Amino acid sequence: MRSRERFVPATSGCYVLTTLDGLVLYIGLAENLRRGMGQHLDNPEKTGLTKQGRAVLFHWFESVETRKVERTWLNIHIQHEGMLPELNRVYSPTFT
């Protein structure tokens, strides 16, 4: 992921960390998406192996309404999976 960090915009938005198979492990928001990606890459808990796999893809959506977009994505995930993404349940400041 580091080699592609320069392609992530330095704007506000929401992002999703997924496994190679597309399993969502984390949904978050950032004032600066590029910095947010870098913080995740520097965090061994976010890049380490989970029960569902390892976060290897970073998907993003530029938005000024980050909280609204993040909440919508979390609600959709809960509707489909019956729970928060694995890393949101453990590391998200929103839910502690």
C-alpha atoms as a PDB file:
ATOM      1  CA  MET A   1       0.000   0.000   0.000  1.00  0.00           C
ATOM      2  CA  ARG A   2       2.874   2.424   0.725  1.00  0.00           C
ATOM      3  CA  SER A   3       3.831   2.639  -2.939  1.00  0.00           C
ATOM      4  CA  ARG A   4       0.333   3.919  -3.758  1.00  0.00           C
ATOM      5  CA  GLU A   5       0.017   6.380  -0.879  1.00  0.00           C
ATOM      6  CA  ARG A   6       0.948   9.297  -3.161  1.00  0.00           C
ATOM      7  CA  PHE A   7      -2.193   8.641  -5.248  1.00  0.00           C
ATOM      8  CA  VAL A   8      -4.526   9.193  -2.277  1.00  0.00           C
ATOM      9  CA  PRO A   9      -5.759  12.806  -2.127  1.00  0.00           C
ATOM     10  CA  ALA A  10      -4.923  15.055   0.819  1.00  0.00           C
ATOM     11  CA  THR A  11      -8.610  15.989   1.175  1.00  0.00           C
ATOM     12  CA  SER A  12     -11.313  15.018   3.636  1.00  0.00           C
ATOM     13  CA  GLY A  13     -13.308  11.859   3.117  1.00  0.00           C
ATOM     14  CA  CYS A  14     -14.200   8.373   4.252  1.00  0.00           C
ATOM     15  CA  TYR A  15     -12.262   5.190   3.680  1.00  0.00           C
ATOM     16  CA  VAL A  16     -12.502   1.443   4.013  1.00  0.00           C
ATOM     17  CA  LEU A  17      -9.735  -1.059   4.749  1.00  0.00           C
ATOM     18  CA  THR A  18     -10.423  -4.432   3.134  1.00  0.00           C
ATOM     19  CA  THR A  19      -8.828  -7.799   2.602  1.00  0.00           C
ATOM     20  CA  LEU A  20      -7.747  -8.804  -0.882  1.00  0.00           C
ATOM     21  CA  ASP A  21     -11.092 -10.653  -1.153  1.00  0.00           C
ATOM     22  CA  GLY A  22     -13.001  -7.450  -0.352  1.00  0.00           C
ATOM     23  CA  LEU A  23     -13.983  -8.218   3.246  1.00  0.00           C
ATOM     24  CA  VAL A  24     -14.411  -4.913   5.067  1.00  0.00           C
ATOM     25  CA  LEU A  25     -12.209  -4.747   8.169  1.00  0.00           C
ATOM     26  CA  TYR A  26     -12.464  -1.035   9.020  1.00  0.00           C
ATOM     27  CA  ILE A  27     -14.552   1.995   8.068  1.00  0.00           C
ATOM     28  CA  GLY A  28     -13.255   5.425   9.001  1.00  0.00           C
ATOM     29  CA  LEU A  29     -13.079   9.105   8.189  1.00  0.00           C
ATOM     30  CA  ALA A  30     -10.224  11.555   7.870  1.00  0.00           C
ATOM     31  CA  GLU A  31      -9.660  15.250   7.353  1.00  0.00           C
ATOM     32  CA  ASN A  32      -6.712  14.234   5.176  1.00  0.00           C
ATOM     33  CA  LEU A  33      -7.133  10.852   3.465  1.00  0.00           C
ATOM     34  CA  ARG A  34      -3.435  10.518   2.588  1.00  0.00           C
ATOM     35  CA  ARG A  35      -2.414  11.125   6.202  1.00  0.00           C
ATOM     36  CA  GLY A  36      -5.138   8.718   7.380  1.00  0.00           C
ATOM     37  CA  MET A  37      -3.776   6.005   5.122  1.00  0.00           C
ATOM     38  CA  GLY A  38      -0.269   6.618   6.419  1.00  0.00           C
ATOM     39  CA  GLN A  39      -1.441   6.390  10.034  1.00  0.00           C
ATOM     40  CA  HIS A  40      -3.040   3.022   9.326  1.00  0.00           C
ATOM     41  CA  LEU A  41       0.080   1.735   7.602  1.00  0.00           C
ATOM     42  CA  ASP A  42       2.124   2.761  10.660  1.00  0.00           C
ATOM     43  CA  ASN A  43      -0.253   0.991  13.075  1.00  0.00           C
ATOM     44  CA  PRO A  44       0.618  -2.715  13.496  1.00  0.00           C
ATOM     45  CA  GLU A  45      -2.817  -3.440  14.965  1.00  0.00           C
ATOM     46  CA  LYS A  46      -4.507  -2.203  11.785  1.00  0.00           C
ATOM     47  CA  THR A  47      -2.097  -3.925   9.388  1.00  0.00           C
ATOM     48  CA  GLY A  48      -1.733  -7.180  11.309  1.00  0.00           C
ATOM     49  CA  LEU A  49      -3.548 -10.423  10.671  1.00  0.00           C
ATOM     50  CA  THR A  50      -7.180 -10.542  11.889  1.00  0.00           C
ATOM     51  CA  LYS A  51      -9.681 -13.389  12.065  1.00  0.00           C
ATOM     52  CA  GLN A  52     -10.944 -12.363   8.624  1.00  0.00           C
ATOM     53  CA  GLY A  53      -7.556 -11.680   7.047  1.00  0.00           C
ATOM     54  CA  ARG A  54      -5.171  -8.770   6.643  1.00  0.00           C
ATOM     55  CA  ALA A  55      -6.078  -5.242   5.514  1.00  0.00           C
ATOM     56  CA  VAL A  56      -4.330  -4.836   2.176  1.00  0.00           C
ATOM     57  CA  LEU A  57      -6.588  -2.438   0.256  1.00  0.00           C
ATOM     58  CA  PHE A  58      -7.509   1.182   1.040  1.00  0.00           C
ATOM     59  CA  HIS A  59     -10.653   2.472  -0.700  1.00  0.00           C
ATOM     60  CA  TRP A  60     -11.734   6.090  -0.290  1.00  0.00           C
ATOM     61  CA  PHE A  61     -14.462   8.581  -1.109  1.00  0.00           C
ATOM     62  CA  GLU A  62     -13.791  12.315  -0.974  1.00  0.00           C
ATOM     63  CA  SER A  63     -16.462  14.176   0.990  1.00  0.00           C
ATOM     64  CA  VAL A  64     -16.952  17.163   3.262  1.00  0.00           C
ATOM     65  CA  GLU A  65     -19.771  15.351   5.092  1.00  0.00           C
ATOM     66  CA  THR A  66     -17.462  12.697   6.478  1.00  0.00           C
ATOM     67  CA  ARG A  67     -19.459  11.829   9.601  1.00  0.00           C
ATOM     68  CA  LYS A  68     -22.648  11.334   7.598  1.00  0.00           C
ATOM     69  CA  VAL A  69     -20.908   9.143   5.003  1.00  0.00           C
ATOM     70  CA  GLU A  70     -19.084   7.104   7.647  1.00  0.00           C
ATOM     71  CA  ARG A  71     -22.293   6.519   9.628  1.00  0.00           C
ATOM     72  CA  THR A  72     -24.133   5.471   6.438  1.00  0.00           C
ATOM     73  CA  TRP A  73     -21.380   2.996   5.509  1.00  0.00           C
ATOM     74  CA  LEU A  74     -21.324   1.584   9.049  1.00  0.00           C
ATOM     75  CA  ASN A  75     -25.115   1.189   9.044  1.00  0.00           C
ATOM     76  CA  ILE A  76     -25.025  -0.588   5.668  1.00  0.00           C
ATOM     77  CA  HIS A  77     -22.298  -2.918   6.927  1.00  0.00           C
ATOM     78  CA  ILE A  78     -24.304  -3.692  10.073  1.00  0.00           C
ATOM     79  CA  GLN A  79     -27.411  -4.424   7.953  1.00  0.00           C
ATOM     80  CA  HIS A  80     -25.493  -6.850   5.730  1.00  0.00           C
ATOM     81  CA  GLU A  81     -23.167  -8.462   8.268  1.00  0.00           C
ATOM     82  CA  GLY A  82     -25.064  -8.050  11.547  1.00  0.00           C
ATOM     83  CA  MET A  83     -22.151  -6.298  13.269  1.00  0.00           C
ATOM     84  CA  LEU A  84     -19.503  -3.611  12.926  1.00  0.00           C
ATOM     85  CA  PRO A  85     -16.368  -4.361  10.902  1.00  0.00           C
ATOM     86  CA  GLU A  86     -13.823  -6.288  12.964  1.00  0.00           C
ATOM     87  CA  LEU A  87     -11.371  -3.427  13.482  1.00  0.00           C
ATOM     88  CA  ASN A  88     -14.128  -0.884  14.235  1.00  0.00           C
ATOM     89  CA  ARG A  89     -15.295  -2.999  17.143  1.00  0.00           C
ATOM     90  CA  VAL A  90     -11.822  -2.997  18.670  1.00  0.00           C
ATOM     91  CA  TYR A  91     -10.074   0.262  17.713  1.00  0.00           C
ATOM     92  CA  SER A  92     -12.676   2.862  16.753  1.00  0.00           C
ATOM     93  CA  PRO A  93     -12.876   5.936  19.012  1.00  0.00           C
ATOM     94  CA  THR A  94     -16.501   6.349  17.913  1.00  0.00           C
ATOM     95  CA  PHE A  95     -17.567   3.203  19.712  1.00  0.00           C
ATOM     96  CA  THR A  96     -15.445   3.215  22.897  1.00  0.00           C
END
